[in-house]
């Protein structure tokens, strides 16, 4: 009986592998929705910056024209945000007002904050007063 060698088994058991796989699966179940929410918020942040940039361009344009401009005049005809997550339009153009609207496309339409859908994102300017809607979507995440 002394002739038998004592072996050190350094392999993983099936149970240990299943536990590791279970832990990884739980982490993925938690991480994927969190990551998707982060991406939606980041895209919303991008469209907010774009709408403010268009508003600034409108103010510069109005200094030398009798009315505010359309999207071609303000944004070189570009009708989407950089990532293509929103389509842009300008309506209600006059000498005292304009409305910039960004409509979500693709997976971005799922973006919500506080139970409010964040599409369309609208920035309206009338006689010096700026209105942003939906208002909850314009605040920090």
N, C-alpha and C. Protein backbone atom coordinates (compact mmCIF):
# COMPACT_ATOMS: atom_id res chain seq x y z
N UNK A 1 0.80 -1.17 0.00
CA UNK A 1 0.00 0.00 0.00
C UNK A 1 0.86 1.25 0.00
N UNK A 2 2.05 1.13 0.51
CA UNK A 2 2.93 2.27 0.54
C UNK A 2 3.46 2.61 -0.84
N UNK A 3 3.36 1.66 -1.74
CA UNK A 3 3.87 1.89 -3.08
C UNK A 3 2.99 2.85 -3.90
N UNK A 4 1.80 3.04 -3.47
CA UNK A 4 0.91 3.94 -4.21
C UNK A 4 1.38 5.38 -4.01
N UNK A 5 1.46 6.11 -5.13
CA UNK A 5 1.87 7.51 -5.05
C UNK A 5 0.65 8.36 -4.72
N UNK A 6 0.90 9.31 -3.91
CA UNK A 6 -0.15 10.29 -3.63
C UNK A 6 -0.05 11.35 -4.71
N UNK A 7 -1.16 11.52 -5.44
CA UNK A 7 -1.16 12.47 -6.54
C UNK A 7 -1.84 13.77 -6.11
N UNK A 8 -1.27 14.86 -6.52
CA UNK A 8 -1.91 16.16 -6.32
C UNK A 8 -2.75 16.46 -7.55
N UNK A 9 -4.01 16.47 -7.36
CA UNK A 9 -4.91 16.75 -8.48
C UNK A 9 -5.07 18.26 -8.58
N UNK A 10 -4.57 18.85 -9.67
CA UNK A 10 -4.60 20.29 -9.83
C UNK A 10 -5.63 20.73 -10.86
N UNK A 11 -6.51 19.89 -11.23
CA UNK A 11 -7.54 20.24 -12.22
C UNK A 11 -8.77 20.79 -11.50
N UNK A 12 -9.58 21.53 -12.26
CA UNK A 12 -10.83 22.05 -11.71
C UNK A 12 -11.90 20.98 -11.79
N UNK A 13 -12.74 20.98 -10.81
CA UNK A 13 -13.86 20.04 -10.86
C UNK A 13 -14.97 20.66 -11.70
N UNK A 14 -15.89 19.85 -12.14
CA UNK A 14 -17.01 20.32 -12.94
C UNK A 14 -17.83 21.34 -12.14
N UNK A 15 -17.98 21.11 -10.86
CA UNK A 15 -18.75 22.03 -10.01
C UNK A 15 -18.07 23.40 -9.95
N UNK A 16 -16.77 23.44 -9.81
CA UNK A 16 -16.05 24.71 -9.78
C UNK A 16 -16.22 25.47 -11.10
N UNK A 17 -16.14 24.78 -12.20
CA UNK A 17 -16.33 25.42 -13.51
C UNK A 17 -17.75 25.97 -13.65
N UNK A 18 -18.73 25.24 -13.19
CA UNK A 18 -20.12 25.71 -13.27
C UNK A 18 -20.33 26.95 -12.41
N UNK A 19 -19.71 26.99 -11.25
CA UNK A 19 -19.83 28.17 -10.39
C UNK A 19 -19.21 29.39 -11.07
N UNK A 20 -18.06 29.22 -11.68
CA UNK A 20 -17.40 30.32 -12.38
C UNK A 20 -18.28 30.80 -13.54
N UNK A 21 -18.83 29.89 -14.31
CA UNK A 21 -19.70 30.25 -15.43
C UNK A 21 -20.94 30.98 -14.92
N UNK A 22 -21.49 30.53 -13.82
CA UNK A 22 -22.66 31.19 -13.23
C UNK A 22 -22.33 32.61 -12.79
N UNK A 23 -21.20 32.81 -12.18
CA UNK A 23 -20.79 34.15 -11.74
C UNK A 23 -20.61 35.06 -12.95
N UNK A 24 -19.96 34.57 -13.99
CA UNK A 24 -19.77 35.37 -15.21
C UNK A 24 -21.12 35.72 -15.84
N UNK A 25 -22.04 34.78 -15.88
CA UNK A 25 -23.37 35.03 -16.45
C UNK A 25 -24.11 36.11 -15.66
N UNK A 26 -24.03 36.05 -14.34
CA UNK A 26 -24.69 37.06 -13.50
C UNK A 26 -24.09 38.44 -13.76
N UNK A 27 -22.77 38.51 -13.88
CA UNK A 27 -22.12 39.78 -14.17
C UNK A 27 -22.57 40.35 -15.52
N UNK A 28 -22.71 39.49 -16.53
CA UNK A 28 -23.18 39.94 -17.83
C UNK A 28 -24.62 40.43 -17.77
N UNK A 29 -25.44 39.73 -17.00
CA UNK A 29 -26.86 40.12 -16.88
C UNK A 29 -26.96 41.51 -16.25
N UNK A 30 -26.08 41.82 -15.34
CA UNK A 30 -26.08 43.14 -14.70
C UNK A 30 -25.39 44.18 -15.59
N UNK A 31 -24.29 43.82 -16.21
CA UNK A 31 -23.46 44.78 -16.94
C UNK A 31 -24.07 45.23 -18.26
N UNK A 32 -24.70 44.36 -19.01
CA UNK A 32 -25.19 44.73 -20.35
C UNK A 32 -26.25 45.82 -20.29
N UNK A 33 -27.31 45.70 -19.48
CA UNK A 33 -28.28 46.80 -19.42
C UNK A 33 -27.66 48.10 -18.91
N UNK A 34 -26.74 48.01 -17.98
CA UNK A 34 -26.07 49.20 -17.46
C UNK A 34 -25.27 49.87 -18.57
N UNK A 35 -24.57 49.09 -19.34
CA UNK A 35 -23.79 49.63 -20.45
C UNK A 35 -24.70 50.24 -21.51
N UNK A 36 -25.79 49.57 -21.84
CA UNK A 36 -26.72 50.10 -22.84
C UNK A 36 -27.31 51.44 -22.37
N UNK A 37 -27.64 51.55 -21.10
CA UNK A 37 -28.14 52.81 -20.55
C UNK A 37 -27.10 53.90 -20.64
N UNK A 38 -25.86 53.54 -20.38
CA UNK A 38 -24.76 54.51 -20.50
C UNK A 38 -24.65 55.03 -21.93
N UNK A 39 -24.72 54.13 -22.91
CA UNK A 39 -24.61 54.52 -24.32
C UNK A 39 -25.76 55.46 -24.70
N UNK A 40 -26.99 55.16 -24.26
CA UNK A 40 -28.13 56.02 -24.57
C UNK A 40 -27.94 57.41 -23.97
N UNK A 41 -27.48 57.48 -22.73
CA UNK A 41 -27.24 58.78 -22.08
C UNK A 41 -26.13 59.55 -22.79
N UNK A 42 -25.09 58.85 -23.21
CA UNK A 42 -23.98 59.51 -23.91
C UNK A 42 -24.46 60.07 -25.26
N UNK A 43 -25.29 59.33 -25.97
CA UNK A 43 -25.84 59.82 -27.24
C UNK A 43 -26.74 61.03 -27.00
N UNK A 44 -27.51 61.01 -25.91
CA UNK A 44 -28.35 62.16 -25.58
C UNK A 44 -27.49 63.38 -25.27
N UNK A 45 -26.39 63.18 -24.56
CA UNK A 45 -25.47 64.27 -24.27
C UNK A 45 -24.92 64.86 -25.57
N UNK A 46 -24.63 64.00 -26.54
CA UNK A 46 -24.13 64.46 -27.83
C UNK A 46 -25.17 65.32 -28.55
N UNK A 47 -26.43 64.91 -28.52
CA UNK A 47 -27.46 65.69 -29.21
C UNK A 47 -27.70 67.02 -28.51
N UNK A 48 -27.59 67.05 -27.20
CA UNK A 48 -27.75 68.32 -26.47
C UNK A 48 -26.65 69.29 -26.89
N UNK A 49 -25.42 68.82 -26.97
CA UNK A 49 -24.32 69.68 -27.42
C UNK A 49 -24.56 70.16 -28.85
N UNK A 50 -25.08 69.28 -29.70
CA UNK A 50 -25.37 69.66 -31.08
C UNK A 50 -26.45 70.73 -31.15
N UNK A 51 -27.51 70.57 -30.36
CA UNK A 51 -28.59 71.56 -30.37
C UNK A 51 -28.10 72.92 -29.87
N UNK A 52 -27.26 72.92 -28.85
CA UNK A 52 -26.69 74.19 -28.37
C UNK A 52 -25.78 74.82 -29.43
N UNK A 53 -25.02 74.00 -30.14
CA UNK A 53 -24.15 74.52 -31.19
C UNK A 53 -24.97 75.13 -32.33
N UNK A 54 -26.08 74.49 -32.69
CA UNK A 54 -26.95 75.05 -33.72
C UNK A 54 -27.57 76.34 -33.23
N UNK A 55 -27.97 76.38 -31.97
CA UNK A 55 -28.54 77.62 -31.41
C UNK A 55 -27.52 78.75 -31.50
N UNK A 56 -26.27 78.48 -31.16
CA UNK A 56 -25.22 79.49 -31.24
C UNK A 56 -25.04 79.95 -32.70
N UNK A 57 -25.06 79.00 -33.64
CA UNK A 57 -24.95 79.34 -35.05
C UNK A 57 -26.12 80.21 -35.49
N UNK A 58 -27.30 79.92 -34.96
CA UNK A 58 -28.47 80.73 -35.28
C UNK A 58 -28.26 82.19 -34.82
N UNK A 59 -27.75 82.35 -33.64
CA UNK A 59 -27.55 83.71 -33.11
C UNK A 59 -26.53 84.47 -33.96
N UNK A 60 -25.46 83.80 -34.36
CA UNK A 60 -24.46 84.43 -35.22
C UNK A 60 -25.07 84.78 -36.58
N UNK A 61 -25.86 83.86 -37.14
CA UNK A 61 -26.48 84.08 -38.45
C UNK A 61 -27.44 85.27 -38.39
N UNK A 62 -28.21 85.35 -37.34
CA UNK A 62 -29.24 86.40 -37.21
C UNK A 62 -28.62 87.80 -37.14
N UNK A 63 -27.38 87.91 -36.69
CA UNK A 63 -26.73 89.22 -36.61
C UNK A 63 -26.59 89.89 -37.97
N UNK A 64 -26.52 89.08 -39.02
CA UNK A 64 -26.34 89.66 -40.36
C UNK A 64 -27.49 89.33 -41.32
N UNK A 65 -28.60 88.79 -40.82
CA UNK A 65 -29.75 88.46 -41.67
C UNK A 65 -31.03 88.91 -40.98
N UNK A 66 -32.10 89.03 -41.76
CA UNK A 66 -33.37 89.52 -41.21
C UNK A 66 -34.15 88.43 -40.47
N UNK A 67 -33.82 87.17 -40.69
CA UNK A 67 -34.49 86.07 -39.98
C UNK A 67 -33.43 85.06 -39.54
N UNK A 68 -33.85 84.12 -38.72
CA UNK A 68 -32.97 83.00 -38.39
C UNK A 68 -32.90 82.08 -39.60
N UNK A 69 -31.93 81.16 -39.60
CA UNK A 69 -31.69 80.33 -40.78
C UNK A 69 -32.25 78.93 -40.68
N UNK A 70 -32.27 78.26 -41.83
CA UNK A 70 -32.69 76.86 -41.87
C UNK A 70 -31.47 75.96 -41.63
N UNK A 71 -31.68 74.68 -41.63
CA UNK A 71 -30.61 73.73 -41.30
C UNK A 71 -29.48 73.79 -42.32
N UNK A 72 -29.79 74.02 -43.59
CA UNK A 72 -28.74 74.13 -44.61
C UNK A 72 -27.84 75.32 -44.33
N UNK A 73 -28.44 76.42 -43.94
CA UNK A 73 -27.67 77.63 -43.68
C UNK A 73 -26.88 77.53 -42.37
N UNK A 74 -27.45 76.83 -41.40
CA UNK A 74 -26.81 76.76 -40.08
C UNK A 74 -25.81 75.63 -39.96
N UNK A 75 -26.10 74.52 -40.57
CA UNK A 75 -25.35 73.31 -40.27
C UNK A 75 -24.82 72.64 -41.54
N UNK A 76 -24.75 73.42 -42.61
CA UNK A 76 -24.19 72.90 -43.86
C UNK A 76 -24.99 71.76 -44.47
N UNK A 77 -26.26 71.69 -44.17
CA UNK A 77 -27.10 70.64 -44.74
C UNK A 77 -27.04 69.30 -44.03
N UNK A 78 -26.23 69.21 -42.99
CA UNK A 78 -26.14 67.96 -42.23
C UNK A 78 -27.44 67.78 -41.45
N UNK A 79 -28.07 66.62 -41.58
CA UNK A 79 -29.38 66.42 -40.96
C UNK A 79 -29.37 65.37 -39.85
N UNK A 80 -28.18 64.92 -39.45
CA UNK A 80 -28.09 63.97 -38.34
C UNK A 80 -26.96 64.39 -37.40
N UNK A 81 -27.01 63.86 -36.20
CA UNK A 81 -25.91 64.08 -35.26
C UNK A 81 -24.71 63.25 -35.72
N UNK A 82 -23.56 63.51 -35.11
CA UNK A 82 -22.33 62.81 -35.51
C UNK A 82 -22.49 61.30 -35.55
N UNK A 83 -23.08 60.74 -34.54
CA UNK A 83 -23.24 59.29 -34.47
C UNK A 83 -24.42 58.77 -35.25
N UNK A 84 -25.23 59.66 -35.80
CA UNK A 84 -26.41 59.24 -36.56
C UNK A 84 -27.55 58.76 -35.68
N UNK A 85 -27.54 59.10 -34.39
CA UNK A 85 -28.57 58.63 -33.47
C UNK A 85 -29.79 59.53 -33.44
N UNK A 86 -29.68 60.72 -34.04
CA UNK A 86 -30.80 61.66 -34.09
C UNK A 86 -30.84 62.31 -35.47
N UNK A 87 -32.05 62.58 -35.96
CA UNK A 87 -32.21 63.41 -37.16
C UNK A 87 -32.59 64.81 -36.69
N UNK A 88 -32.07 65.80 -37.40
CA UNK A 88 -32.23 67.19 -36.99
C UNK A 88 -33.15 67.93 -37.95
N UNK A 89 -33.90 68.89 -37.41
CA UNK A 89 -34.72 69.78 -38.24
C UNK A 89 -34.89 71.10 -37.52
N UNK A 90 -35.11 72.16 -38.32
CA UNK A 90 -35.39 73.49 -37.77
C UNK A 90 -36.70 73.96 -38.38
N UNK A 91 -37.63 74.35 -37.51
CA UNK A 91 -38.94 74.83 -37.97
C UNK A 91 -39.27 76.14 -37.27
N UNK A 92 -40.38 76.74 -37.64
CA UNK A 92 -40.84 77.95 -36.98
C UNK A 92 -39.88 79.11 -37.13
N UNK A 93 -39.20 79.18 -38.26
CA UNK A 93 -38.19 80.21 -38.48
C UNK A 93 -38.85 81.55 -38.75
N UNK A 94 -38.43 82.56 -38.00
CA UNK A 94 -38.90 83.93 -38.22
C UNK A 94 -37.78 84.88 -37.80
N UNK A 95 -38.11 86.15 -37.68
CA UNK A 95 -37.11 87.13 -37.25
C UNK A 95 -36.90 87.10 -35.74
N UNK A 96 -37.82 86.43 -35.01
CA UNK A 96 -37.71 86.40 -33.55
C UNK A 96 -37.70 84.99 -32.96
N UNK A 97 -37.84 83.96 -33.79
CA UNK A 97 -37.94 82.62 -33.21
C UNK A 97 -37.49 81.53 -34.18
N UNK A 98 -37.21 80.37 -33.57
CA UNK A 98 -36.92 79.14 -34.32
C UNK A 98 -37.08 77.98 -33.35
N UNK A 99 -37.28 76.80 -33.90
CA UNK A 99 -37.36 75.58 -33.10
C UNK A 99 -36.46 74.53 -33.74
N UNK A 100 -35.56 73.98 -32.95
CA UNK A 100 -34.67 72.92 -33.41
C UNK A 100 -35.17 71.62 -32.78
N UNK A 101 -35.36 70.62 -33.61
CA UNK A 101 -35.87 69.34 -33.11
C UNK A 101 -34.92 68.22 -33.51
N UNK A 102 -34.66 67.32 -32.58
CA UNK A 102 -33.84 66.14 -32.83
C UNK A 102 -34.67 64.91 -32.50
N UNK A 103 -34.92 64.08 -33.52
CA UNK A 103 -35.71 62.86 -33.34
C UNK A 103 -34.77 61.66 -33.28
N UNK A 104 -34.93 60.86 -32.24
CA UNK A 104 -34.09 59.67 -32.07
C UNK A 104 -34.40 58.65 -33.16
N UNK A 105 -33.37 57.93 -33.57
CA UNK A 105 -33.52 56.84 -34.53
C UNK A 105 -32.84 55.59 -33.99
N UNK A 106 -33.23 54.45 -34.50
CA UNK A 106 -32.63 53.19 -34.09
C UNK A 106 -32.85 52.90 -32.62
N UNK A 107 -31.84 52.34 -31.98
CA UNK A 107 -31.96 51.96 -30.58
C UNK A 107 -32.09 53.16 -29.66
N UNK A 108 -31.76 54.35 -30.14
CA UNK A 108 -31.84 55.56 -29.31
C UNK A 108 -33.28 55.88 -28.92
N UNK A 109 -34.27 55.38 -29.65
CA UNK A 109 -35.66 55.66 -29.31
C UNK A 109 -36.05 55.06 -27.96
N UNK A 110 -35.24 54.16 -27.43
CA UNK A 110 -35.50 53.55 -26.12
C UNK A 110 -35.05 54.44 -24.96
N UNK A 111 -34.38 55.55 -25.27
CA UNK A 111 -33.83 56.41 -24.23
C UNK A 111 -34.94 57.06 -23.41
N UNK A 112 -34.87 56.86 -22.10
CA UNK A 112 -35.83 57.44 -21.16
C UNK A 112 -35.10 57.96 -19.94
N UNK A 113 -35.73 58.94 -19.30
CA UNK A 113 -35.21 59.42 -18.02
C UNK A 113 -36.41 59.69 -17.13
N UNK A 114 -36.42 59.08 -15.99
CA UNK A 114 -37.53 59.26 -15.05
C UNK A 114 -38.87 58.85 -15.64
N UNK A 115 -38.86 57.84 -16.52
CA UNK A 115 -40.09 57.37 -17.15
C UNK A 115 -40.55 58.22 -18.32
N UNK A 116 -39.78 59.25 -18.68
CA UNK A 116 -40.13 60.13 -19.80
C UNK A 116 -39.26 59.76 -21.00
N UNK A 117 -39.89 59.57 -22.14
CA UNK A 117 -39.14 59.27 -23.37
C UNK A 117 -38.42 60.53 -23.83
N UNK A 118 -37.15 60.39 -24.14
CA UNK A 118 -36.31 61.54 -24.50
C UNK A 118 -36.23 61.75 -26.01
N UNK A 119 -37.33 61.60 -26.67
CA UNK A 119 -37.40 61.91 -28.10
C UNK A 119 -38.80 62.36 -28.43
N UNK A 120 -38.94 63.47 -29.13
CA UNK A 120 -37.87 64.29 -29.66
C UNK A 120 -37.29 65.21 -28.60
N UNK A 121 -36.04 65.60 -28.83
CA UNK A 121 -35.40 66.63 -28.02
C UNK A 121 -35.62 67.94 -28.77
N UNK A 122 -36.20 68.92 -28.07
CA UNK A 122 -36.59 70.17 -28.73
C UNK A 122 -36.00 71.36 -27.99
N UNK A 123 -35.40 72.28 -28.77
CA UNK A 123 -34.93 73.55 -28.24
C UNK A 123 -35.66 74.63 -29.03
N UNK A 124 -36.47 75.42 -28.32
CA UNK A 124 -37.22 76.50 -28.95
C UNK A 124 -36.70 77.83 -28.44
N UNK A 125 -36.58 78.78 -29.37
CA UNK A 125 -36.12 80.12 -29.03
C UNK A 125 -37.17 81.10 -29.54
N UNK A 126 -37.72 81.91 -28.63
CA UNK A 126 -38.71 82.92 -29.00
C UNK A 126 -38.41 84.20 -28.23
N UNK A 127 -38.06 85.23 -28.97
CA UNK A 127 -37.81 86.57 -28.39
C UNK A 127 -36.90 86.53 -27.16
N UNK A 128 -35.82 85.79 -27.27
CA UNK A 128 -34.84 85.74 -26.19
C UNK A 128 -35.09 84.69 -25.12
N UNK A 129 -36.19 83.96 -25.22
CA UNK A 129 -36.50 82.93 -24.22
C UNK A 129 -36.27 81.56 -24.84
N UNK A 130 -35.47 80.75 -24.15
CA UNK A 130 -35.15 79.40 -24.61
C UNK A 130 -35.97 78.41 -23.81
N UNK A 131 -36.65 77.51 -24.53
CA UNK A 131 -37.42 76.44 -23.91
C UNK A 131 -36.86 75.11 -24.39
N UNK A 132 -36.62 74.19 -23.45
CA UNK A 132 -36.08 72.87 -23.80
C UNK A 132 -37.06 71.80 -23.33
N UNK A 133 -37.35 70.86 -24.21
CA UNK A 133 -38.24 69.78 -23.81
C UNK A 133 -37.78 68.46 -24.44
N UNK A 134 -38.13 67.35 -23.82
CA UNK A 134 -38.68 67.25 -22.47
C UNK A 134 -37.62 67.68 -21.45
N UNK A 135 -38.03 68.54 -20.54
CA UNK A 135 -37.09 69.21 -19.64
C UNK A 135 -36.26 68.24 -18.81
N UNK A 136 -36.84 67.13 -18.39
CA UNK A 136 -36.10 66.18 -17.55
C UNK A 136 -34.93 65.57 -18.30
N UNK A 137 -35.03 65.49 -19.61
CA UNK A 137 -33.96 64.86 -20.42
C UNK A 137 -32.79 65.79 -20.65
N UNK A 138 -32.94 67.06 -20.36
CA UNK A 138 -31.86 68.02 -20.56
C UNK A 138 -30.95 68.15 -19.35
N UNK A 139 -31.36 67.62 -18.23
CA UNK A 139 -30.52 67.71 -17.03
C UNK A 139 -29.51 66.58 -17.01
N UNK A 140 -28.53 66.70 -16.14
CA UNK A 140 -27.48 65.68 -16.03
C UNK A 140 -28.09 64.34 -15.66
N UNK A 141 -27.40 63.27 -16.12
CA UNK A 141 -27.93 61.90 -15.87
C UNK A 141 -28.03 61.53 -14.43
